[in-house]
Amino acid sequence: ETNTRLVEEAVADKNRIKILMENVESVEDKCLELQKCLKVAKEAEEVGKMREEVMNIEEEKAISRKESAKEIKRSRERKATEERALLSELTMSRMSDKLVLLEQENKESMCLVKEMEEQVVRLVEENIKMREDSSDPREEHFSMEEEILKMKETLVWSDENHSELMRKSKDQLDYQMKDCNDS
């Protein structure tokens, strides 16, 4: 009964890990979206610069009748600088807000992943203890190996962006597997 409960909890934990991995992928997708937004903002700034140059040329023609060449140049540079500063400030503000949200979401996901990893390690340890206490260690040993291999497969499927986290989890499972084989 306890073993069944532990197996059910392990399956539920696997599902939670899978959900967390999807959340991490979602955060990465949002990071990519944020990078795209930054690229669009830079392109918008360039378009703004082009428009500004066209407008400045037209303004130059009208102003040149009234002002000297130096005044035209100073006026154009000042306006361009002000517009770029405002656009940059707006872009940075938006990017900063999105980055804060993404970092917070990433921290929450990482905490959940760590918690799930700790639960898996505890379950593996409980299974090892139960196997040691059982009357037929070969049967339990075999099912424990299978369970660890299934957990390893679940962790290994993630993409390269999660490889460090997965490597740590896989190393913990390898260590547990070694303990199982040694006992």
Protein backbone atom coordinates (compact mmCIF):
# COMPACT_ATOMS: atom_id res chain seq x y z
CA GLU A 1 0.00 0.00 0.00
CA THR A 2 2.77 2.43 0.89
CA ASN A 3 4.71 1.43 -2.17
CA THR A 4 1.63 2.01 -4.33
CA ARG A 5 1.19 5.41 -2.74
CA LEU A 6 4.84 6.23 -3.37
CA VAL A 7 4.56 5.11 -6.99
CA GLU A 8 1.47 7.30 -7.42
CA GLU A 9 3.27 10.22 -5.82
CA ALA A 10 6.27 9.62 -8.07
CA VAL A 11 3.99 9.70 -11.13
CA ALA A 12 2.38 12.89 -9.84
CA ASP A 13 5.84 14.35 -9.21
CA LYS A 14 6.88 13.47 -12.74
CA ASN A 15 3.83 15.29 -14.07
CA ARG A 16 4.65 18.31 -11.92
CA ILE A 17 8.24 18.27 -13.16
CA LYS A 18 6.97 18.12 -16.73
CA ILE A 19 4.67 21.09 -16.04
CA LEU A 20 7.55 23.01 -14.49
CA MET A 21 9.72 22.24 -17.49
CA GLU A 22 6.96 23.60 -19.71
CA ASN A 23 6.83 26.70 -17.49
CA VAL A 24 10.58 27.15 -17.93
CA GLU A 25 10.13 26.82 -21.69
CA SER A 26 7.34 29.40 -21.49
CA VAL A 27 9.67 31.77 -19.64
CA GLU A 28 12.31 31.25 -22.31
CA ASP A 29 9.71 31.93 -25.00
CA LYS A 30 8.82 35.14 -23.21
CA CYS A 31 12.52 36.06 -23.13
CA LEU A 32 12.68 35.51 -26.89
CA GLU A 33 9.57 37.65 -27.27
CA LEU A 34 11.22 40.32 -25.17
CA GLN A 35 14.28 40.21 -27.41
CA LYS A 36 12.02 40.59 -30.44
CA CYS A 37 10.36 43.59 -28.79
CA LEU A 38 13.78 45.11 -28.24
CA LYS A 39 14.64 44.56 -31.90
CA VAL A 40 11.34 46.17 -32.96
CA ALA A 41 12.04 49.11 -30.67
CA LYS A 42 15.48 49.56 -32.20
CA GLU A 43 13.98 49.39 -35.68
CA ALA A 44 11.34 51.91 -34.65
CA GLU A 45 14.10 54.16 -33.40
CA GLU A 46 15.86 53.88 -36.76
CA VAL A 47 12.61 54.64 -38.60
CA GLY A 48 12.11 57.57 -36.28
CA LYS A 49 15.59 58.77 -37.11
CA MET A 50 14.84 58.54 -40.83
CA ARG A 51 11.61 60.46 -40.40
CA GLU A 52 13.42 62.95 -38.26
CA GLU A 53 16.03 63.45 -40.95
CA VAL A 54 13.35 63.99 -43.60
CA MET A 55 11.48 66.43 -41.36
CA ASN A 56 14.69 68.19 -40.48
CA ILE A 57 15.56 68.63 -44.12
CA GLU A 58 12.18 70.21 -44.75
CA GLU A 59 12.52 72.37 -41.65
CA GLU A 60 15.98 73.38 -42.76
CA LYS A 61 14.62 74.78 -45.98
CA ALA A 62 12.04 76.88 -44.13
CA ILE A 63 14.38 77.94 -41.36
CA SER A 64 17.33 78.64 -43.62
CA ARG A 65 15.51 81.65 -44.93
CA LYS A 66 15.31 83.06 -41.43
CA GLU A 67 18.28 81.64 -39.52
CA SER A 68 21.90 81.01 -40.08
CA ALA A 69 23.34 77.54 -40.86
CA LYS A 70 24.66 77.12 -37.31
CA GLU A 71 21.26 77.65 -35.73
CA ILE A 72 19.68 75.09 -38.04
CA LYS A 73 22.27 72.48 -37.13
CA ARG A 74 21.93 73.08 -33.38
CA SER A 75 18.15 72.93 -33.55
CA ARG A 76 18.15 69.69 -35.51
CA GLU A 77 20.68 68.01 -33.23
CA ARG A 78 18.80 69.08 -30.10
CA LYS A 79 15.49 67.73 -31.40
CA ALA A 80 17.04 64.47 -32.52
CA THR A 81 18.75 64.03 -29.19
CA GLU A 82 15.56 64.73 -27.27
CA GLU A 83 13.51 62.32 -29.37
CA ARG A 84 16.10 59.56 -29.12
CA ALA A 85 16.35 60.07 -25.37
CA LEU A 86 12.58 59.86 -24.95
CA LEU A 87 12.31 56.80 -27.16
CA SER A 88 15.21 55.12 -25.38
CA GLU A 89 13.74 55.93 -21.98
CA LEU A 90 10.35 54.53 -22.97
CA THR A 91 11.89 51.40 -24.45
CA MET A 92 14.11 50.80 -21.44
CA SER A 93 11.21 51.29 -19.06
CA ARG A 94 9.11 48.72 -20.91
CA MET A 95 11.99 46.28 -21.18
CA SER A 96 12.83 46.69 -17.51
CA ASP A 97 9.25 45.96 -16.46
CA LYS A 98 9.11 42.86 -18.64
CA LEU A 99 12.50 41.70 -17.43
CA VAL A 100 11.47 42.03 -13.77
CA LEU A 101 8.34 39.98 -14.43
CA LEU A 102 10.28 37.31 -16.31
CA GLU A 103 12.94 37.11 -13.61
CA GLN A 104 10.28 36.73 -10.93
CA GLU A 105 8.51 34.02 -12.91
CA ASN A 106 11.82 32.27 -13.54
CA LYS A 107 12.71 32.34 -9.81
CA GLU A 108 9.32 30.88 -8.92
CA SER A 109 9.72 28.13 -11.52
CA MET A 110 13.22 27.32 -10.33
CA CYS A 111 12.02 27.12 -6.71
CA LEU A 112 9.27 24.73 -7.75
CA VAL A 113 11.71 22.62 -9.75
CA LYS A 114 14.07 22.46 -6.77
CA GLU A 115 11.23 21.51 -4.46
CA MET A 116 10.14 18.76 -6.84
CA GLU A 117 13.70 17.47 -7.12
CA GLU A 118 13.92 17.30 -3.34
CA GLN A 119 10.63 15.40 -3.21
CA VAL A 120 11.87 12.95 -5.80
CA VAL A 121 15.08 12.41 -3.83
CA ARG A 122 13.04 11.83 -0.64
CA LEU A 123 10.78 9.36 -2.44
CA VAL A 124 13.77 7.50 -3.82
CA GLU A 125 15.27 7.33 -0.34
CA GLU A 126 11.97 6.08 1.10
CA ASN A 127 11.76 3.44 -1.61
CA ILE A 128 15.31 2.33 -0.84
CA LYS A 129 14.48 2.05 2.85
CA MET A 130 11.28 0.14 2.09
CA ARG A 131 13.19 -2.17 -0.27
CA GLU A 132 15.76 -2.86 2.43
CA ASP A 133 12.95 -3.71 4.89
CA SER A 134 11.06 -5.99 2.45
CA SER A 135 11.38 -9.75 2.43
CA ASP A 136 12.15 -10.09 -1.32
CA PRO A 137 14.83 -7.48 -2.14
CA ARG A 138 15.33 -8.60 -5.76
CA GLU A 139 11.77 -7.76 -6.79
CA GLU A 140 11.85 -4.36 -5.12
CA HIS A 141 15.34 -3.69 -6.41
CA PHE A 142 14.25 -4.30 -9.97
CA SER A 143 11.20 -2.04 -9.72
CA MET A 144 13.29 0.66 -8.04
CA GLU A 145 15.80 0.58 -10.90
CA GLU A 146 12.98 0.85 -13.39
CA GLU A 147 11.52 3.79 -11.50
CA ILE A 148 14.86 5.60 -11.39
CA LEU A 149 15.42 4.94 -15.09
CA LYS A 150 11.96 6.35 -15.88
CA MET A 151 12.72 9.46 -13.83
CA LYS A 152 16.06 9.85 -15.62
CA GLU A 153 14.32 9.58 -19.00
CA THR A 154 11.82 12.24 -17.95
CA LEU A 155 14.64 14.58 -16.94
CA VAL A 156 16.85 13.91 -19.96
CA TRP A 157 14.21 14.90 -22.57
CA SER A 158 14.54 18.62 -21.88
CA ASP A 159 16.32 20.88 -24.36
CA GLU A 160 19.86 22.23 -24.04
CA ASN A 161 18.73 25.42 -22.29
CA HIS A 162 17.85 23.29 -19.25
CA SER A 163 20.78 20.92 -19.53
CA GLU A 164 22.62 22.24 -16.46
CA LEU A 165 19.58 21.85 -14.22
CA MET A 166 18.84 18.47 -15.72
CA ARG A 167 22.45 17.37 -15.37
CA LYS A 168 22.31 18.10 -11.65
CA SER A 169 19.09 16.14 -11.27
CA LYS A 170 20.44 13.29 -13.39
CA ASP A 171 23.64 13.23 -11.29
CA GLN A 172 21.53 12.93 -8.13
CA LEU A 173 19.59 10.04 -9.68
CA ASP A 174 22.83 8.37 -10.81
CA TYR A 175 24.08 8.64 -7.26
CA GLN A 176 20.85 7.08 -5.95
CA MET A 177 21.10 4.33 -8.61
CA LYS A 178 24.65 3.59 -7.50
CA ASP A 179 23.46 3.33 -3.90
CA CYS A 180 20.74 0.91 -5.02
CA ASN A 181 23.25 -1.26 -6.85
CA ASP A 182 25.68 -1.19 -3.93
CA SER A 183 23.10 -2.35 -1.40
